[in-house]
Amino acid sequence: MIDQDTAARISFELHGAARLWRRNFDRSARAHDLSRARWQVLWVLAKEQGLKQTELADRLDVAPISLARQLDNLEKEGLVERRRDAGDRRCFRIHLTDAAEPALRVLKELANESRARALAGLSQDEVGQLYDLLSRIRLNLCGEDN
């Protein structure tokens, strides 16, 4: 059985590390006029072009109405476009435009800097171990949302 005090300390450390990592990244992104709401949409779409609005909202864990307003703003700026779904004309699929490429380059650079700062002093083996352990924790928890 796992010691409950140790488990509690681990959960607090994990939460705190994730919060600080996100906060540091957000601070860097804001310097480039990229709020969390903006950069998260761009980042997810860079990995999965053509998501339905509802799928994108689900990936971002935000209310669809909040996402709709963010997409309206990004669309006005020419960074994303909504395209009618060929199989369901009632919904739209979201795509990045070529105009989003400079912002994505900045995000990738900031992500690399943020990762380097967060993982400084860890060996490649330790980073691999950390990845494996966090993946196992995520798999243990992923059934909760289903």
C-alpha atoms as a PDB file:
ATOM      1  CA  MET A   1       0.000   0.000   0.000  1.00  0.00           C
ATOM      2  CA  ILE A   2       1.198   3.497  -0.823  1.00  0.00           C
ATOM      3  CA  ASP A   3       1.994   5.827   2.072  1.00  0.00           C
ATOM      4  CA  GLN A   4      -0.788   8.462   2.060  1.00  0.00           C
ATOM      5  CA  ASP A   5       1.495  11.314   3.187  1.00  0.00           C
ATOM      6  CA  THR A   6       3.895  10.596   0.334  1.00  0.00           C
ATOM      7  CA  ALA A   7       1.015  10.301  -2.140  1.00  0.00           C
ATOM      8  CA  ALA A   8      -0.363  13.653  -0.946  1.00  0.00           C
ATOM      9  CA  ARG A   9       3.052  15.316  -1.330  1.00  0.00           C
ATOM     10  CA  ILE A  10       3.401  13.877  -4.835  1.00  0.00           C
ATOM     11  CA  SER A  11      -0.015  15.194  -5.890  1.00  0.00           C
ATOM     12  CA  PHE A  12       0.790  18.664  -4.542  1.00  0.00           C
ATOM     13  CA  GLU A  13       4.213  18.685  -6.234  1.00  0.00           C
ATOM     14  CA  LEU A  14       2.735  17.524  -9.523  1.00  0.00           C
ATOM     15  CA  HIS A  15      -0.020  20.119  -9.397  1.00  0.00           C
ATOM     16  CA  GLY A  16       2.408  22.869  -8.395  1.00  0.00           C
ATOM     17  CA  ALA A  17       4.944  21.966 -11.079  1.00  0.00           C
ATOM     18  CA  ALA A  18       2.243  21.904 -13.776  1.00  0.00           C
ATOM     19  CA  ARG A  19       0.852  25.245 -12.603  1.00  0.00           C
ATOM     20  CA  LEU A  20       4.282  26.908 -12.596  1.00  0.00           C
ATOM     21  CA  TRP A  21       5.208  25.432 -15.965  1.00  0.00           C
ATOM     22  CA  ARG A  22       1.943  26.750 -17.449  1.00  0.00           C
ATOM     23  CA  ARG A  23       2.348  30.149 -15.763  1.00  0.00           C
ATOM     24  CA  ASN A  24       5.904  30.557 -17.035  1.00  0.00           C
ATOM     25  CA  PHE A  25       4.852  29.598 -20.549  1.00  0.00           C
ATOM     26  CA  ASP A  26       1.856  31.955 -20.389  1.00  0.00           C
ATOM     27  CA  ARG A  27       4.101  34.833 -19.320  1.00  0.00           C
ATOM     28  CA  SER A  28       6.408  34.221 -22.296  1.00  0.00           C
ATOM     29  CA  ALA A  29       3.475  33.831 -24.696  1.00  0.00           C
ATOM     30  CA  ARG A  30       1.810  37.047 -23.488  1.00  0.00           C
ATOM     31  CA  ALA A  31       4.967  38.934 -24.437  1.00  0.00           C
ATOM     32  CA  HIS A  32       4.085  37.882 -28.012  1.00  0.00           C
ATOM     33  CA  ASP A  33       0.400  38.802 -27.661  1.00  0.00           C
ATOM     34  CA  LEU A  34      -0.657  35.185 -27.271  1.00  0.00           C
ATOM     35  CA  SER A  35      -3.043  34.611 -24.364  1.00  0.00           C
ATOM     36  CA  ARG A  36      -3.591  31.079 -23.099  1.00  0.00           C
ATOM     37  CA  ALA A  37      -6.967  30.898 -24.835  1.00  0.00           C
ATOM     38  CA  ARG A  38      -5.355  31.913 -28.138  1.00  0.00           C
ATOM     39  CA  TRP A  39      -2.261  29.766 -28.005  1.00  0.00           C
ATOM     40  CA  GLN A  40      -4.120  26.655 -26.856  1.00  0.00           C
ATOM     41  CA  VAL A  41      -6.496  26.814 -29.827  1.00  0.00           C
ATOM     42  CA  LEU A  42      -3.622  27.297 -32.255  1.00  0.00           C
ATOM     43  CA  TRP A  43      -1.557  24.549 -30.624  1.00  0.00           C
ATOM     44  CA  VAL A  44      -4.338  21.944 -30.716  1.00  0.00           C
ATOM     45  CA  LEU A  45      -5.239  22.785 -34.302  1.00  0.00           C
ATOM     46  CA  ALA A  46      -1.588  22.527 -35.337  1.00  0.00           C
ATOM     47  CA  LYS A  47      -1.697  18.935 -34.121  1.00  0.00           C
ATOM     48  CA  GLU A  48      -5.240  18.105 -35.337  1.00  0.00           C
ATOM     49  CA  GLN A  49      -6.463  20.195 -38.251  1.00  0.00           C
ATOM     50  CA  GLY A  50     -10.138  20.051 -39.110  1.00  0.00           C
ATOM     51  CA  LEU A  51     -11.677  19.323 -35.732  1.00  0.00           C
ATOM     52  CA  LYS A  52     -15.359  20.095 -35.270  1.00  0.00           C
ATOM     53  CA  GLN A  53     -15.982  23.003 -32.912  1.00  0.00           C
ATOM     54  CA  THR A  54     -17.411  20.592 -30.341  1.00  0.00           C
ATOM     55  CA  GLU A  55     -14.362  18.311 -30.597  1.00  0.00           C
ATOM     56  CA  LEU A  56     -12.023  21.269 -30.207  1.00  0.00           C
ATOM     57  CA  ALA A  57     -13.941  22.512 -27.164  1.00  0.00           C
ATOM     58  CA  ASP A  58     -13.685  19.031 -25.681  1.00  0.00           C
ATOM     59  CA  ARG A  59      -9.898  18.859 -26.278  1.00  0.00           C
ATOM     60  CA  LEU A  60      -9.478  22.253 -24.643  1.00  0.00           C
ATOM     61  CA  ASP A  61     -11.867  21.430 -21.790  1.00  0.00           C
ATOM     62  CA  VAL A  62     -13.827  24.655 -22.339  1.00  0.00           C
ATOM     63  CA  ALA A  63     -17.482  25.454 -22.887  1.00  0.00           C
ATOM     64  CA  PRO A  64     -18.408  25.506 -26.586  1.00  0.00           C
ATOM     65  CA  ILE A  65     -19.808  29.044 -26.242  1.00  0.00           C
ATOM     66  CA  SER A  66     -16.479  30.321 -24.867  1.00  0.00           C
ATOM     67  CA  LEU A  67     -14.639  28.633 -27.716  1.00  0.00           C
ATOM     68  CA  ALA A  68     -17.030  30.129 -30.285  1.00  0.00           C
ATOM     69  CA  ARG A  69     -16.106  33.652 -29.170  1.00  0.00           C
ATOM     70  CA  GLN A  70     -12.394  32.821 -29.289  1.00  0.00           C
ATOM     71  CA  LEU A  71     -12.788  31.339 -32.779  1.00  0.00           C
ATOM     72  CA  ASP A  72     -14.687  34.441 -33.900  1.00  0.00           C
ATOM     73  CA  ASN A  73     -11.713  36.577 -32.836  1.00  0.00           C
ATOM     74  CA  LEU A  74      -9.128  34.274 -34.401  1.00  0.00           C
ATOM     75  CA  GLU A  75     -11.181  34.150 -37.596  1.00  0.00           C
ATOM     76  CA  LYS A  76     -11.354  37.971 -37.739  1.00  0.00           C
ATOM     77  CA  GLU A  77      -7.568  38.021 -37.432  1.00  0.00           C
ATOM     78  CA  GLY A  78      -7.306  35.549 -40.300  1.00  0.00           C
ATOM     79  CA  LEU A  79      -5.617  32.839 -38.203  1.00  0.00           C
ATOM     80  CA  VAL A  80      -8.362  30.211 -38.456  1.00  0.00           C
ATOM     81  CA  GLU A  81     -11.235  29.472 -40.765  1.00  0.00           C
ATOM     82  CA  ARG A  82     -14.431  27.535 -40.316  1.00  0.00           C
ATOM     83  CA  ARG A  83     -15.295  25.139 -43.123  1.00  0.00           C
ATOM     84  CA  ARG A  84     -18.602  23.359 -43.453  1.00  0.00           C
ATOM     85  CA  ASP A  85     -18.386  19.669 -42.704  1.00  0.00           C
ATOM     86  CA  ALA A  86     -19.000  17.719 -45.919  1.00  0.00           C
ATOM     87  CA  GLY A  87     -20.883  14.985 -44.054  1.00  0.00           C
ATOM     88  CA  ASP A  88     -22.898  17.242 -41.743  1.00  0.00           C
ATOM     89  CA  ARG A  89     -23.741  20.696 -43.054  1.00  0.00           C
ATOM     90  CA  ARG A  90     -24.916  21.773 -39.583  1.00  0.00           C
ATOM     91  CA  CYS A  91     -21.375  21.812 -38.189  1.00  0.00           C
ATOM     92  CA  PHE A  92     -18.064  23.397 -39.039  1.00  0.00           C
ATOM     93  CA  ARG A  93     -14.530  22.088 -39.005  1.00  0.00           C
ATOM     94  CA  ILE A  94     -11.789  24.433 -37.855  1.00  0.00           C
ATOM     95  CA  HIS A  95      -8.587  24.879 -39.840  1.00  0.00           C
ATOM     96  CA  LEU A  96      -5.530  27.039 -39.387  1.00  0.00           C
ATOM     97  CA  THR A  97      -4.691  29.461 -42.157  1.00  0.00           C
ATOM     98  CA  ASP A  98      -1.215  30.195 -43.481  1.00  0.00           C
ATOM     99  CA  ALA A  99      -1.342  33.441 -41.478  1.00  0.00           C
ATOM    100  CA  ALA A 100      -1.108  31.363 -38.263  1.00  0.00           C
ATOM    101  CA  GLU A 101       2.345  30.050 -39.181  1.00  0.00           C
ATOM    102  CA  PRO A 102       4.352  32.901 -37.572  1.00  0.00           C
ATOM    103  CA  ALA A 103       2.459  32.471 -34.298  1.00  0.00           C
ATOM    104  CA  LEU A 104       3.055  28.704 -34.405  1.00  0.00           C
ATOM    105  CA  ARG A 105       6.787  29.237 -34.929  1.00  0.00           C
ATOM    106  CA  VAL A 106       6.852  31.506 -31.868  1.00  0.00           C
ATOM    107  CA  LEU A 107       4.873  28.955 -29.832  1.00  0.00           C
ATOM    108  CA  LYS A 108       7.255  26.141 -30.784  1.00  0.00           C
ATOM    109  CA  GLU A 109      10.243  28.249 -29.794  1.00  0.00           C
ATOM    110  CA  LEU A 110       8.630  29.211 -26.486  1.00  0.00           C
ATOM    111  CA  ALA A 111       7.670  25.585 -25.820  1.00  0.00           C
ATOM    112  CA  ASN A 112      11.257  24.455 -26.382  1.00  0.00           C
ATOM    113  CA  GLU A 113      12.570  27.164 -24.039  1.00  0.00           C
ATOM    114  CA  SER A 114       9.956  26.325 -21.421  1.00  0.00           C
ATOM    115  CA  ARG A 115      10.750  22.608 -21.560  1.00  0.00           C
ATOM    116  CA  ALA A 116      14.468  23.258 -21.322  1.00  0.00           C
ATOM    117  CA  ARG A 117      13.943  25.460 -18.257  1.00  0.00           C
ATOM    118  CA  ALA A 118      11.595  22.967 -16.578  1.00  0.00           C
ATOM    119  CA  LEU A 119      13.783  19.927 -17.235  1.00  0.00           C
ATOM    120  CA  ALA A 120      17.145  21.603 -16.527  1.00  0.00           C
ATOM    121  CA  GLY A 121      19.437  19.406 -14.475  1.00  0.00           C
ATOM    122  CA  LEU A 122      17.641  16.158 -15.338  1.00  0.00           C
ATOM    123  CA  SER A 123      19.495  13.476 -17.278  1.00  0.00           C
ATOM    124  CA  GLN A 124      17.999  11.935 -20.407  1.00  0.00           C
ATOM    125  CA  ASP A 125      17.309   8.762 -18.396  1.00  0.00           C
ATOM    126  CA  GLU A 126      15.527  10.764 -15.688  1.00  0.00           C
ATOM    127  CA  VAL A 127      13.417  12.554 -18.298  1.00  0.00           C
ATOM    128  CA  GLY A 128      12.504   9.161 -19.770  1.00  0.00           C
ATOM    129  CA  GLN A 129      11.575   7.830 -16.330  1.00  0.00           C
ATOM    130  CA  LEU A 130       9.504  10.912 -15.583  1.00  0.00           C
ATOM    131  CA  TYR A 131       7.670  10.538 -18.885  1.00  0.00           C
ATOM    132  CA  ASP A 132       6.940   6.858 -18.222  1.00  0.00           C
ATOM    133  CA  LEU A 133       5.698   7.518 -14.682  1.00  0.00           C
ATOM    134  CA  LEU A 134       3.480  10.452 -15.675  1.00  0.00           C
ATOM    135  CA  SER A 135       2.061   8.408 -18.565  1.00  0.00           C
ATOM    136  CA  ARG A 136       1.132   5.644 -16.138  1.00  0.00           C
ATOM    137  CA  ILE A 137      -0.546   8.142 -13.802  1.00  0.00           C
ATOM    138  CA  ARG A 138      -2.490   9.627 -16.733  1.00  0.00           C
ATOM    139  CA  LEU A 139      -3.610   6.153 -17.834  1.00  0.00           C
ATOM    140  CA  ASN A 140      -4.744   5.381 -14.281  1.00  0.00           C
ATOM    141  CA  LEU A 141      -6.890   8.529 -14.306  1.00  0.00           C
ATOM    142  CA  CYS A 142      -8.153   8.647 -17.897  1.00  0.00           C
ATOM    143  CA  GLY A 143     -11.130   6.396 -17.193  1.00  0.00           C
ATOM    144  CA  GLU A 144     -12.632   8.967 -14.816  1.00  0.00           C
ATOM    145  CA  ASP A 145     -13.884  11.198 -17.614  1.00  0.00           C
ATOM    146  CA  ASN A 146     -15.455   8.413 -19.645  1.00  0.00           C
END
